[in-house]
Amino acid sequence: MYLDQAKKQEIFGKYGKSNTDTGSAESQIALFTYRIAHLTEHLKKNHKDHVTTRSLTMLVGKRRALLDYLYDRDVERYRAIVKALGLRR
């Protein structure tokens, strides 16, 4: 599987407050970004996979909603996570 428990712990440790911080907006945004990158690579090879295309669209929407939430609550945290992940916005 592309996303095992060790990889999740690495993502949460790098972007969250601790390795067990799975609920903060930053850690969820980082996890969604990793999943989006994986699905994008899959779709480059399998362009007719419409289920994955829909899943990718839904994930991008979830990440966008979390980014909007973070922007409304704390602009500095928003700017930090966008810069750390290299997102365009």
N, C-alpha and C. Protein backbone atom coordinates (compact mmCIF):
# COMPACT_ATOMS: atom_id res chain seq x y z
N MET A 1 0.84 -1.18 0.00
CA MET A 1 0.00 0.00 0.00
C MET A 1 0.88 1.25 0.00
N TYR A 2 0.46 2.27 -0.68
CA TYR A 2 1.29 3.45 -0.83
C TYR A 2 1.37 4.29 0.44
N LEU A 3 0.38 4.19 1.31
CA LEU A 3 0.35 5.02 2.51
C LEU A 3 0.22 4.11 3.73
N ASP A 4 1.37 3.69 4.26
CA ASP A 4 1.34 2.84 5.44
C ASP A 4 1.41 3.68 6.71
N GLN A 5 1.33 3.01 7.83
CA GLN A 5 1.29 3.70 9.12
C GLN A 5 2.56 4.51 9.37
N ALA A 6 3.71 4.00 8.95
CA ALA A 6 4.97 4.71 9.17
C ALA A 6 5.00 6.02 8.38
N LYS A 7 4.49 6.00 7.16
CA LYS A 7 4.46 7.22 6.35
C LYS A 7 3.52 8.26 6.95
N LYS A 8 2.38 7.81 7.47
CA LYS A 8 1.45 8.72 8.13
C LYS A 8 2.10 9.36 9.35
N GLN A 9 2.79 8.56 10.14
CA GLN A 9 3.47 9.09 11.33
C GLN A 9 4.52 10.11 10.95
N GLU A 10 5.22 9.87 9.85
CA GLU A 10 6.22 10.81 9.36
C GLU A 10 5.57 12.14 8.97
N ILE A 11 4.46 12.07 8.25
CA ILE A 11 3.76 13.28 7.83
C ILE A 11 3.23 14.04 9.04
N PHE A 12 2.61 13.32 9.97
CA PHE A 12 2.06 13.98 11.16
C PHE A 12 3.16 14.55 12.03
N GLY A 13 4.29 13.87 12.11
CA GLY A 13 5.41 14.39 12.90
C GLY A 13 6.03 15.64 12.29
N LYS A 14 6.06 15.69 10.97
CA LYS A 14 6.69 16.83 10.30
C LYS A 14 5.80 18.07 10.29
N TYR A 15 4.50 17.89 10.07
CA TYR A 15 3.62 19.04 9.90
C TYR A 15 2.68 19.27 11.09
N GLY A 16 2.46 18.27 11.92
CA GLY A 16 1.59 18.43 13.07
C GLY A 16 2.38 18.87 14.30
N LYS A 17 1.70 18.89 15.42
CA LYS A 17 2.35 19.29 16.66
C LYS A 17 3.15 18.14 17.26
N SER A 18 2.74 16.90 16.97
CA SER A 18 3.46 15.72 17.43
C SER A 18 3.13 14.57 16.48
N ASN A 19 3.70 13.39 16.74
CA ASN A 19 3.43 12.24 15.88
C ASN A 19 1.99 11.76 16.00
N THR A 20 1.36 12.04 17.13
CA THR A 20 -0.02 11.59 17.33
C THR A 20 -1.03 12.67 17.01
N ASP A 21 -0.58 13.81 16.49
CA ASP A 21 -1.48 14.91 16.15
C ASP A 21 -2.08 14.66 14.78
N THR A 22 -3.24 14.00 14.78
CA THR A 22 -3.88 13.69 13.51
C THR A 22 -5.04 14.62 13.20
N GLY A 23 -5.41 15.49 14.13
CA GLY A 23 -6.59 16.29 13.96
C GLY A 23 -6.37 17.72 13.58
N SER A 24 -5.15 18.21 13.69
CA SER A 24 -4.92 19.62 13.37
C SER A 24 -5.07 19.84 11.86
N ALA A 25 -5.43 21.05 11.51
CA ALA A 25 -5.64 21.37 10.09
C ALA A 25 -4.36 21.17 9.29
N GLU A 26 -3.23 21.54 9.87
CA GLU A 26 -1.96 21.41 9.14
C GLU A 26 -1.64 19.96 8.81
N SER A 27 -1.84 19.06 9.78
CA SER A 27 -1.51 17.66 9.53
C SER A 27 -2.48 17.05 8.51
N GLN A 28 -3.75 17.42 8.56
CA GLN A 28 -4.71 16.90 7.59
C GLN A 28 -4.41 17.44 6.19
N ILE A 29 -4.06 18.71 6.09
CA ILE A 29 -3.72 19.30 4.79
C ILE A 29 -2.49 18.60 4.21
N ALA A 30 -1.50 18.33 5.04
CA ALA A 30 -0.30 17.65 4.57
C ALA A 30 -0.63 16.23 4.09
N LEU A 31 -1.48 15.53 4.83
CA LEU A 31 -1.87 14.18 4.42
C LEU A 31 -2.65 14.21 3.11
N PHE A 32 -3.58 15.15 2.97
CA PHE A 32 -4.34 15.27 1.72
C PHE A 32 -3.41 15.60 0.56
N THR A 33 -2.41 16.44 0.79
CA THR A 33 -1.47 16.81 -0.26
C THR A 33 -0.69 15.59 -0.74
N TYR A 34 -0.26 14.75 0.19
CA TYR A 34 0.45 13.53 -0.17
C TYR A 34 -0.45 12.61 -1.01
N ARG A 35 -1.70 12.45 -0.57
CA ARG A 35 -2.63 11.60 -1.30
C ARG A 35 -2.95 12.17 -2.67
N ILE A 36 -3.09 13.49 -2.78
CA ILE A 36 -3.36 14.13 -4.06
C ILE A 36 -2.21 13.90 -5.02
N ALA A 37 -0.99 14.02 -4.54
CA ALA A 37 0.18 13.78 -5.40
C ALA A 37 0.20 12.34 -5.90
N HIS A 38 -0.14 11.40 -5.03
CA HIS A 38 -0.16 9.99 -5.42
C HIS A 38 -1.24 9.73 -6.48
N LEU A 39 -2.43 10.27 -6.27
CA LEU A 39 -3.51 10.06 -7.24
C LEU A 39 -3.22 10.74 -8.57
N THR A 40 -2.54 11.88 -8.52
CA THR A 40 -2.18 12.57 -9.76
C THR A 40 -1.23 11.73 -10.59
N GLU A 41 -0.25 11.11 -9.94
CA GLU A 41 0.67 10.22 -10.66
C GLU A 41 -0.06 9.02 -11.23
N HIS A 42 -1.01 8.48 -10.47
CA HIS A 42 -1.79 7.34 -10.96
C HIS A 42 -2.59 7.73 -12.21
N LEU A 43 -3.17 8.92 -12.19
CA LEU A 43 -3.99 9.35 -13.32
C LEU A 43 -3.17 9.69 -14.56
N LYS A 44 -1.89 10.00 -14.38
CA LYS A 44 -1.05 10.23 -15.56
C LYS A 44 -0.88 8.94 -16.37
N LYS A 45 -0.89 7.80 -15.67
CA LYS A 45 -0.75 6.51 -16.35
C LYS A 45 -2.09 5.93 -16.75
N ASN A 46 -3.15 6.24 -15.98
CA ASN A 46 -4.47 5.65 -16.19
C ASN A 46 -5.50 6.76 -16.37
N HIS A 47 -5.45 7.42 -17.49
CA HIS A 47 -6.27 8.61 -17.69
C HIS A 47 -7.76 8.31 -17.82
N LYS A 48 -8.15 7.06 -18.03
CA LYS A 48 -9.56 6.73 -18.16
C LYS A 48 -10.19 6.27 -16.83
N ASP A 49 -9.44 6.35 -15.76
CA ASP A 49 -9.93 5.92 -14.44
C ASP A 49 -10.79 7.04 -13.84
N HIS A 50 -12.08 6.97 -14.11
CA HIS A 50 -12.98 8.05 -13.70
C HIS A 50 -13.28 8.05 -12.21
N VAL A 51 -13.23 6.89 -11.57
CA VAL A 51 -13.46 6.82 -10.13
C VAL A 51 -12.33 7.54 -9.39
N THR A 52 -11.12 7.33 -9.81
CA THR A 52 -9.99 8.01 -9.20
C THR A 52 -10.04 9.51 -9.49
N THR A 53 -10.49 9.88 -10.67
CA THR A 53 -10.64 11.30 -10.99
C THR A 53 -11.61 11.97 -10.04
N ARG A 54 -12.72 11.30 -9.77
CA ARG A 54 -13.70 11.84 -8.83
C ARG A 54 -13.12 11.91 -7.42
N SER A 55 -12.42 10.89 -7.01
CA SER A 55 -11.79 10.87 -5.69
C SER A 55 -10.78 12.01 -5.56
N LEU A 56 -10.02 12.24 -6.60
CA LEU A 56 -9.04 13.32 -6.59
C LEU A 56 -9.74 14.67 -6.46
N THR A 57 -10.82 14.86 -7.19
CA THR A 57 -11.57 16.11 -7.12
C THR A 57 -12.13 16.34 -5.72
N MET A 58 -12.63 15.27 -5.10
CA MET A 58 -13.17 15.40 -3.75
C MET A 58 -12.07 15.73 -2.74
N LEU A 59 -10.90 15.12 -2.90
CA LEU A 59 -9.78 15.40 -1.99
C LEU A 59 -9.31 16.84 -2.13
N VAL A 60 -9.24 17.33 -3.34
CA VAL A 60 -8.83 18.72 -3.56
C VAL A 60 -9.83 19.66 -2.90
N GLY A 61 -11.11 19.33 -2.98
CA GLY A 61 -12.14 20.15 -2.34
C GLY A 61 -12.02 20.13 -0.83
N LYS A 62 -11.73 18.97 -0.26
CA LYS A 62 -11.55 18.88 1.19
C LYS A 62 -10.34 19.69 1.64
N ARG A 63 -9.25 19.58 0.88
CA ARG A 63 -8.05 20.35 1.23
C ARG A 63 -8.32 21.84 1.12
N ARG A 64 -9.04 22.24 0.07
CA ARG A 64 -9.38 23.66 -0.11
C ARG A 64 -10.23 24.17 1.06
N ALA A 65 -11.18 23.36 1.52
CA ALA A 65 -12.03 23.75 2.65
C ALA A 65 -11.20 23.91 3.92
N LEU A 66 -10.25 23.00 4.14
CA LEU A 66 -9.39 23.13 5.32
C LEU A 66 -8.48 24.35 5.21
N LEU A 67 -7.98 24.62 4.02
CA LEU A 67 -7.15 25.81 3.84
C LEU A 67 -7.96 27.08 4.06
N ASP A 68 -9.20 27.12 3.59
CA ASP A 68 -10.06 28.27 3.83
C ASP A 68 -10.34 28.45 5.32
N TYR A 69 -10.58 27.34 6.02
CA TYR A 69 -10.80 27.38 7.45
C TYR A 69 -9.58 27.95 8.17
N LEU A 70 -8.42 27.46 7.80
CA LEU A 70 -7.19 27.92 8.44
C LEU A 70 -6.91 29.39 8.13
N TYR A 71 -7.25 29.81 6.92
CA TYR A 71 -7.06 31.22 6.53
C TYR A 71 -7.96 32.12 7.37
N ASP A 72 -9.19 31.69 7.63
CA ASP A 72 -10.12 32.48 8.44
C ASP A 72 -9.69 32.54 9.90
N ARG A 73 -9.11 31.45 10.42
CA ARG A 73 -8.77 31.38 11.84
C ARG A 73 -7.42 32.01 12.17
N ASP A 74 -6.40 31.66 11.37
CA ASP A 74 -5.04 32.11 11.68
C ASP A 74 -4.25 32.20 10.38
N VAL A 75 -4.05 33.42 9.91
CA VAL A 75 -3.40 33.65 8.62
C VAL A 75 -1.94 33.20 8.65
N GLU A 76 -1.26 33.36 9.77
CA GLU A 76 0.15 32.98 9.85
C GLU A 76 0.33 31.47 9.71
N ARG A 77 -0.53 30.69 10.35
CA ARG A 77 -0.47 29.23 10.21
C ARG A 77 -0.78 28.83 8.77
N TYR A 78 -1.73 29.53 8.14
CA TYR A 78 -2.08 29.27 6.74
C TYR A 78 -0.87 29.52 5.85
N ARG A 79 -0.23 30.65 6.01
CA ARG A 79 0.92 30.98 5.18
C ARG A 79 2.07 30.00 5.39
N ALA A 80 2.25 29.56 6.64
CA ALA A 80 3.33 28.62 6.95
C ALA A 80 3.10 27.27 6.26
N ILE A 81 1.88 26.76 6.31
CA ILE A 81 1.63 25.44 5.71
C ILE A 81 1.66 25.52 4.18
N VAL A 82 1.18 26.62 3.62
CA VAL A 82 1.24 26.77 2.16
C VAL A 82 2.68 26.84 1.69
N LYS A 83 3.52 27.54 2.43
CA LYS A 83 4.93 27.64 2.08
C LYS A 83 5.64 26.31 2.27
N ALA A 84 5.34 25.61 3.37
CA ALA A 84 6.01 24.34 3.65
C ALA A 84 5.67 23.28 2.62
N LEU A 85 4.42 23.27 2.15
CA LEU A 85 4.00 22.26 1.19
C LEU A 85 4.21 22.69 -0.25
N GLY A 86 4.51 23.96 -0.47
CA GLY A 86 4.74 24.46 -1.81
C GLY A 86 3.47 24.55 -2.64
N LEU A 87 2.37 24.89 -1.99
CA LEU A 87 1.10 25.01 -2.69
C LEU A 87 0.99 26.37 -3.37
N ARG A 88 0.29 26.40 -4.47
CA ARG A 88 0.04 27.67 -5.16
C ARG A 88 -1.23 28.28 -4.59
N ARG A 89 -1.18 29.55 -4.30
CA ARG A 89 -2.38 30.26 -3.85
C ARG A 89 -2.01 31.70 -3.62
